[in-house]
Amino acid sequence: MLVATPQILEDMDYYMPDSISLEKMSSFFALFADPSRLKILSALAISSLCVTDLAKITQMNQTTVSHQLRILRDSGVVRPIRLGKILQYKITNPKINEILLVGVECLQN
């Protein structure tokens, strides 16, 4: 027996993401499912950094950092900025910082 009111059903039709949006959201949130990427994003939330500095700060090898940065770059979450011979990475959207902070806040409750 259906207990949802016609208004609830109408709201569901209006607000429920379509399958393409759901796939994009799933891919986006999967970026936050890897501790290495979270560590890198947390560091980049504080400052733009090069691979060498990221590797030292996160205590990961440069190959791992480069691999994770490629995933983040391909998804559009970070982008490189060339400063002479050095590439520094920065988060492309300040909302990413907010997502990280909300995640931390949720765990504190």
Protein backbone atom coordinates (compact mmCIF):
# COMPACT_ATOMS: atom_id res chain seq x y z
CA MET A 1 0.00 0.00 0.00
CA LEU A 2 1.39 3.40 -1.03
CA VAL A 3 1.34 5.93 1.82
CA ALA A 4 3.12 8.81 0.08
CA THR A 5 0.87 11.78 -0.61
CA PRO A 6 0.48 13.15 -4.13
CA GLN A 7 2.63 16.13 -3.05
CA ILE A 8 5.43 13.82 -1.88
CA LEU A 9 5.28 11.91 -5.16
CA GLU A 10 5.39 15.18 -7.11
CA ASP A 11 8.37 16.35 -5.05
CA MET A 12 10.13 13.04 -5.69
CA ASP A 13 9.65 13.41 -9.43
CA TYR A 14 10.99 16.95 -9.30
CA TYR A 15 13.95 16.52 -6.93
CA MET A 16 15.12 12.96 -7.54
CA PRO A 17 18.30 13.07 -9.67
CA ASP A 18 18.17 11.36 -13.05
CA SER A 19 20.40 8.36 -13.78
CA ILE A 20 23.11 10.44 -15.50
CA SER A 21 23.31 12.82 -12.53
CA LEU A 22 23.43 9.87 -10.13
CA GLU A 23 26.36 8.35 -12.05
CA LYS A 24 28.22 11.67 -11.97
CA MET A 25 27.55 12.08 -8.25
CA SER A 26 28.69 8.53 -7.57
CA SER A 27 31.97 9.13 -9.44
CA PHE A 28 32.46 12.44 -7.64
CA PHE A 29 31.94 11.01 -4.16
CA ALA A 30 34.16 8.03 -5.00
CA LEU A 31 37.04 10.53 -5.14
CA PHE A 32 36.67 10.94 -1.37
CA ALA A 33 36.74 7.19 -0.74
CA ASP A 34 40.53 6.88 -0.91
CA PRO A 35 42.60 7.93 2.14
CA SER A 36 45.53 9.01 -0.07
CA ARG A 37 43.34 11.37 -2.07
CA LEU A 38 41.77 12.73 1.12
CA LYS A 39 45.23 13.41 2.53
CA ILE A 40 46.26 15.21 -0.67
CA LEU A 41 43.03 17.23 -0.79
CA SER A 42 43.40 18.16 2.87
CA ALA A 43 46.91 19.48 2.21
CA LEU A 44 45.76 21.35 -0.91
CA ALA A 45 42.89 22.88 1.07
CA ILE A 46 45.57 24.71 3.05
CA SER A 47 47.91 25.70 0.22
CA SER A 48 48.82 25.05 -3.40
CA LEU A 49 51.70 22.57 -3.47
CA CYS A 50 53.99 20.76 -5.90
CA VAL A 51 54.28 16.97 -6.04
CA THR A 52 57.55 16.96 -4.08
CA ASP A 53 56.06 18.99 -1.23
CA LEU A 54 52.86 16.92 -1.26
CA ALA A 55 54.88 13.72 -1.04
CA LYS A 56 56.84 15.03 1.92
CA ILE A 57 53.82 16.45 3.75
CA THR A 58 51.63 13.38 3.20
CA GLN A 59 54.51 10.93 3.75
CA MET A 60 53.74 9.16 0.47
CA ASN A 61 56.09 8.45 -2.38
CA GLN A 62 56.00 10.78 -5.38
CA THR A 63 54.68 8.08 -7.70
CA THR A 64 51.64 7.56 -5.48
CA VAL A 65 51.04 11.30 -5.17
CA SER A 66 51.35 11.76 -8.94
CA HIS A 67 48.93 8.90 -9.58
CA GLN A 68 46.34 10.29 -7.18
CA LEU A 69 46.77 13.80 -8.56
CA ARG A 70 46.10 12.48 -12.05
CA ILE A 71 42.79 11.01 -10.86
CA LEU A 72 41.88 14.27 -9.14
CA ARG A 73 42.99 16.33 -12.15
CA ASP A 74 41.09 14.15 -14.64
CA SER A 75 37.95 14.62 -12.56
CA GLY A 76 38.44 18.39 -12.48
CA VAL A 77 38.88 18.60 -8.70
CA VAL A 78 42.46 19.92 -8.88
CA ARG A 79 44.43 21.72 -11.53
CA PRO A 80 48.11 22.42 -12.03
CA ILE A 81 49.54 25.92 -12.12
CA ARG A 82 52.94 26.30 -13.77
CA LEU A 83 55.43 28.42 -11.83
CA GLY A 84 58.55 28.34 -13.99
CA LYS A 85 59.64 24.71 -14.10
CA ILE A 86 57.44 23.69 -11.17
CA LEU A 87 53.82 22.57 -11.31
CA GLN A 88 51.83 23.42 -8.22
CA TYR A 89 48.41 21.90 -7.72
CA LYS A 90 45.40 23.67 -6.33
CA ILE A 91 41.79 22.75 -5.66
CA THR A 92 39.58 24.10 -8.43
CA ASN A 93 36.44 24.79 -6.42
CA PRO A 94 36.17 26.12 -2.86
CA LYS A 95 33.15 23.84 -2.35
CA ILE A 96 35.63 20.94 -2.16
CA ASN A 97 37.06 22.50 1.03
CA GLU A 98 33.52 22.76 2.40
CA ILE A 99 32.85 19.09 1.62
CA LEU A 100 36.01 18.11 3.51
CA LEU A 101 35.00 20.27 6.49
CA VAL A 102 31.46 18.85 6.53
CA GLY A 103 32.95 15.35 6.54
CA VAL A 104 35.10 16.19 9.56
CA GLU A 105 32.14 17.83 11.33
CA CYS A 106 29.92 14.78 10.71
CA LEU A 107 32.52 12.55 12.36
CA GLN A 108 32.69 14.77 15.45
CA ASN A 109 29.02 14.24 16.32
